[in-house]
Amino acid sequence: MSNPYLEVGVAENLKLYLEAMLKLDGKRILLVGEAPGYKGCKITGIPFTSGKIFESVNHPILSGIKDKLRLGKIESENTATIVWNYLATKNKIPLFWNSFPYHPHPEDNENKNRAPTYEEIKYGVKFLHALNAIFKPEIIAGIGKSGLDCAKRAFLEREIKYIRHPSFGGKSEFIKGMNEIL
């Protein structure tokens, strides 16, 4: 496991994203994923993004922060591409977060992903509680089974919606689920 937010640029990128999201009007939605991937959030600091997204997708929220971002390298990440290609035409966007905010990886390879452990997800719940207190979402949804499980664990009294993860053939179901909550 590695904490990408120990890098000043990555932490600053996250701050820019969260500040931009807080300025948005309208219904607030929190989408919970699994964990930062090594080609995406580990580099950008922003869940469900990659460096390529900031070059290729013209969305007001991305355009508003891209010139201020500090990216160590530009990578493409499949899930981020599917998510932001979908959101490119949408006025409303959700706040993305991960059940575990750090990058879980096999012990011998930081350039791979692994699922977070139960203890790691348990640790991540406190970050979800903090975001909930600040952002005050009307809707909370889990992306994929891991995101759903963590969101349910974090918010026992809330209804948590499920959205299929877009990877491994889930793109059309992801789009259907997103259309329902947006």
Protein backbone atom coordinates (compact mmCIF):
# COMPACT_ATOMS: atom_id res chain seq x y z
CA MET A 1 0.00 0.00 0.00
CA SER A 2 1.23 3.51 -0.78
CA ASN A 3 -0.21 6.90 0.08
CA PRO A 4 -0.07 9.06 -3.06
CA TYR A 5 -1.14 12.13 -1.07
CA LEU A 6 2.27 12.31 0.59
CA GLU A 7 3.37 13.90 -2.71
CA VAL A 8 2.60 17.62 -2.53
CA GLY A 9 1.42 17.87 -6.15
CA VAL A 10 -0.99 14.94 -5.79
CA ALA A 11 -2.44 16.37 -2.57
CA GLU A 12 -2.81 19.80 -4.19
CA ASN A 13 -4.62 18.24 -7.16
CA LEU A 14 -7.13 16.63 -4.81
CA LYS A 15 -7.65 19.96 -3.04
CA LEU A 16 -8.36 21.70 -6.37
CA TYR A 17 -10.89 19.01 -7.30
CA LEU A 18 -12.70 19.09 -3.96
CA GLU A 19 -12.87 22.90 -3.97
CA ALA A 20 -14.30 22.87 -7.51
CA MET A 21 -16.88 20.25 -6.56
CA LEU A 22 -18.01 22.25 -3.52
CA LYS A 23 -18.76 25.23 -5.77
CA LEU A 24 -21.23 23.29 -7.92
CA ASP A 25 -24.92 24.00 -7.48
CA GLY A 26 -27.75 21.50 -7.48
CA LYS A 27 -28.28 17.97 -6.26
CA ARG A 28 -25.14 16.48 -4.75
CA ILE A 29 -24.19 12.89 -5.43
CA LEU A 30 -21.35 10.88 -3.88
CA LEU A 31 -20.04 7.89 -5.83
CA VAL A 32 -17.79 5.49 -3.95
CA GLY A 33 -15.31 3.33 -5.83
CA GLU A 34 -12.77 0.80 -4.65
CA ALA A 35 -9.27 2.35 -4.53
CA PRO A 36 -6.86 4.48 -6.58
CA GLY A 37 -5.39 2.70 -9.56
CA TYR A 38 -1.72 2.95 -10.44
CA LYS A 39 -2.38 4.61 -13.84
CA GLY A 40 -5.06 7.00 -12.59
CA CYS A 41 -5.81 8.38 -9.15
CA LYS A 42 -2.40 7.36 -7.78
CA ILE A 43 -0.89 9.89 -10.20
CA THR A 44 -3.59 12.56 -10.36
CA GLY A 45 -4.88 12.38 -6.79
CA ILE A 46 -8.42 12.64 -8.13
CA PRO A 47 -10.59 9.52 -8.03
CA PHE A 48 -11.72 8.13 -11.40
CA THR A 49 -9.35 10.29 -13.44
CA SER A 50 -6.11 9.86 -15.35
CA GLY A 51 -3.71 12.35 -16.88
CA LYS A 52 -5.07 11.63 -20.37
CA ILE A 53 -8.58 12.63 -19.28
CA PHE A 54 -7.40 16.18 -18.69
CA GLU A 55 -6.04 16.28 -22.25
CA SER A 56 -8.95 14.63 -24.02
CA VAL A 57 -12.22 15.44 -22.23
CA ASN A 58 -13.68 18.92 -22.34
CA HIS A 59 -15.85 19.18 -19.24
CA PRO A 60 -16.18 22.42 -17.23
CA ILE A 61 -15.04 20.83 -13.96
CA LEU A 62 -11.90 19.39 -15.61
CA SER A 63 -11.22 22.48 -17.72
CA GLY A 64 -11.46 24.66 -14.63
CA ILE A 65 -8.63 22.88 -12.83
CA LYS A 66 -6.43 21.32 -15.52
CA ASP A 67 -4.04 24.27 -15.90
CA LYS A 68 -3.35 24.19 -12.15
CA LEU A 69 -2.75 20.44 -11.86
CA ARG A 70 0.63 18.95 -11.15
CA LEU A 71 0.97 15.62 -12.92
CA GLY A 72 4.13 13.57 -12.63
CA LYS A 73 3.26 11.68 -15.80
CA ILE A 74 0.40 11.31 -18.22
CA GLU A 75 -1.22 7.90 -18.35
CA SER A 76 -4.45 6.57 -19.79
CA GLU A 77 -6.69 4.48 -17.57
CA ASN A 78 -9.66 2.53 -18.97
CA THR A 79 -12.17 3.15 -16.18
CA ALA A 80 -11.41 6.89 -16.08
CA THR A 81 -11.84 7.07 -19.85
CA ILE A 82 -15.26 5.40 -19.76
CA VAL A 83 -16.43 7.52 -16.82
CA TRP A 84 -15.37 10.88 -18.25
CA ASN A 85 -16.41 10.15 -21.83
CA TYR A 86 -19.87 9.54 -20.36
CA LEU A 87 -19.76 12.68 -18.18
CA ALA A 88 -18.43 14.92 -21.00
CA THR A 89 -21.96 15.80 -22.08
CA LYS A 90 -23.50 16.02 -18.62
CA ASN A 91 -24.10 19.23 -16.69
CA LYS A 92 -24.38 17.40 -13.37
CA ILE A 93 -21.46 15.37 -12.08
CA PRO A 94 -20.99 13.40 -8.88
CA LEU A 95 -18.22 13.69 -6.34
CA PHE A 96 -16.01 10.62 -6.69
CA TRP A 97 -14.20 9.00 -3.78
CA ASN A 98 -12.70 5.60 -3.01
CA SER A 99 -13.48 3.14 -0.23
CA PHE A 100 -9.75 3.13 0.52
CA PRO A 101 -8.03 6.42 -0.39
CA TYR A 102 -4.52 4.99 -0.83
CA HIS A 103 -3.14 2.78 -3.60
CA PRO A 104 -3.21 -0.91 -2.63
CA HIS A 105 -0.71 -2.95 -4.60
CA PRO A 106 1.08 -6.27 -4.38
CA GLU A 107 4.02 -6.07 -2.00
CA ASP A 108 6.60 -6.32 -4.77
CA ASN A 109 5.02 -4.12 -7.45
CA GLU A 110 3.63 -0.58 -7.12
CA ASN A 111 2.64 -0.64 -10.79
CA LYS A 112 -0.17 -3.09 -10.20
CA ASN A 113 -3.44 -2.88 -8.34
CA ARG A 114 -4.92 -5.18 -5.75
CA ALA A 115 -8.23 -5.06 -3.94
CA PRO A 116 -8.10 -3.32 -0.57
CA THR A 117 -8.29 -5.55 2.48
CA TYR A 118 -11.16 -5.49 4.96
CA GLU A 119 -9.01 -3.47 7.38
CA GLU A 120 -8.06 -0.97 4.67
CA ILE A 121 -11.70 -0.43 3.75
CA LYS A 122 -12.59 -0.11 7.42
CA TYR A 123 -9.93 2.62 7.67
CA GLY A 124 -11.39 4.37 4.62
CA VAL A 125 -14.83 4.77 6.20
CA LYS A 126 -13.64 7.75 8.27
CA PHE A 127 -12.79 9.64 5.07
CA LEU A 128 -16.25 8.92 3.68
CA HIS A 129 -17.81 10.28 6.88
CA ALA A 130 -15.74 13.46 6.57
CA LEU A 131 -16.73 13.95 2.91
CA ASN A 132 -20.36 13.32 3.78
CA ALA A 133 -20.25 15.99 6.49
CA ILE A 134 -18.69 18.54 4.13
CA PHE A 135 -20.41 17.71 0.83
CA LYS A 136 -23.83 16.65 2.22
CA PRO A 137 -24.85 14.42 -0.71
CA GLU A 138 -28.51 13.72 -1.37
CA ILE A 139 -27.61 10.46 -3.11
CA ILE A 140 -24.83 8.00 -2.32
CA ALA A 141 -23.97 5.16 -4.67
CA GLY A 142 -21.30 2.49 -4.80
CA ILE A 143 -19.54 1.79 -8.06
CA GLY A 144 -19.00 -1.94 -8.22
CA LYS A 145 -19.45 -4.37 -5.37
CA SER A 146 -16.50 -3.06 -3.34
CA GLY A 147 -17.71 0.53 -3.58
CA LEU A 148 -21.23 -0.56 -2.65
CA ASP A 149 -20.05 -2.62 0.33
CA CYS A 150 -17.96 0.22 1.72
CA ALA A 151 -20.69 2.83 1.24
CA LYS A 152 -23.17 0.56 3.02
CA ARG A 153 -20.72 0.02 5.87
CA ALA A 154 -20.08 3.77 6.17
CA PHE A 155 -23.71 4.88 5.99
CA LEU A 156 -25.82 2.30 7.79
CA GLU A 157 -28.93 4.48 7.91
CA ARG A 158 -28.81 5.66 4.29
CA GLU A 159 -30.10 4.09 1.11
CA ILE A 160 -27.10 3.26 -1.05
CA LYS A 161 -27.62 2.81 -4.75
CA TYR A 162 -25.57 0.41 -6.86
CA ILE A 163 -23.87 1.27 -10.14
CA ARG A 164 -22.10 -1.41 -12.11
CA HIS A 165 -18.36 -0.81 -12.45
CA PRO A 166 -17.63 0.10 -16.09
CA SER A 167 -14.66 -2.24 -16.52
CA PHE A 168 -14.74 -5.82 -17.77
CA GLY A 169 -17.81 -5.38 -19.97
CA GLY A 170 -19.84 -3.23 -17.59
CA LYS A 171 -19.91 -0.02 -19.63
CA SER A 172 -23.56 -0.16 -20.75
CA GLU A 173 -24.80 -1.08 -17.26
CA PHE A 174 -22.63 1.69 -15.78
CA ILE A 175 -24.20 4.22 -18.16
CA LYS A 176 -27.70 2.97 -17.32
CA GLY A 177 -27.02 3.30 -13.58
CA MET A 178 -25.51 6.76 -13.98
CA ASN A 179 -28.49 7.93 -16.04
CA GLU A 180 -30.81 6.79 -13.25
CA ILE A 181 -29.07 8.80 -10.51
CA LEU A 182 -28.22 11.90 -12.54
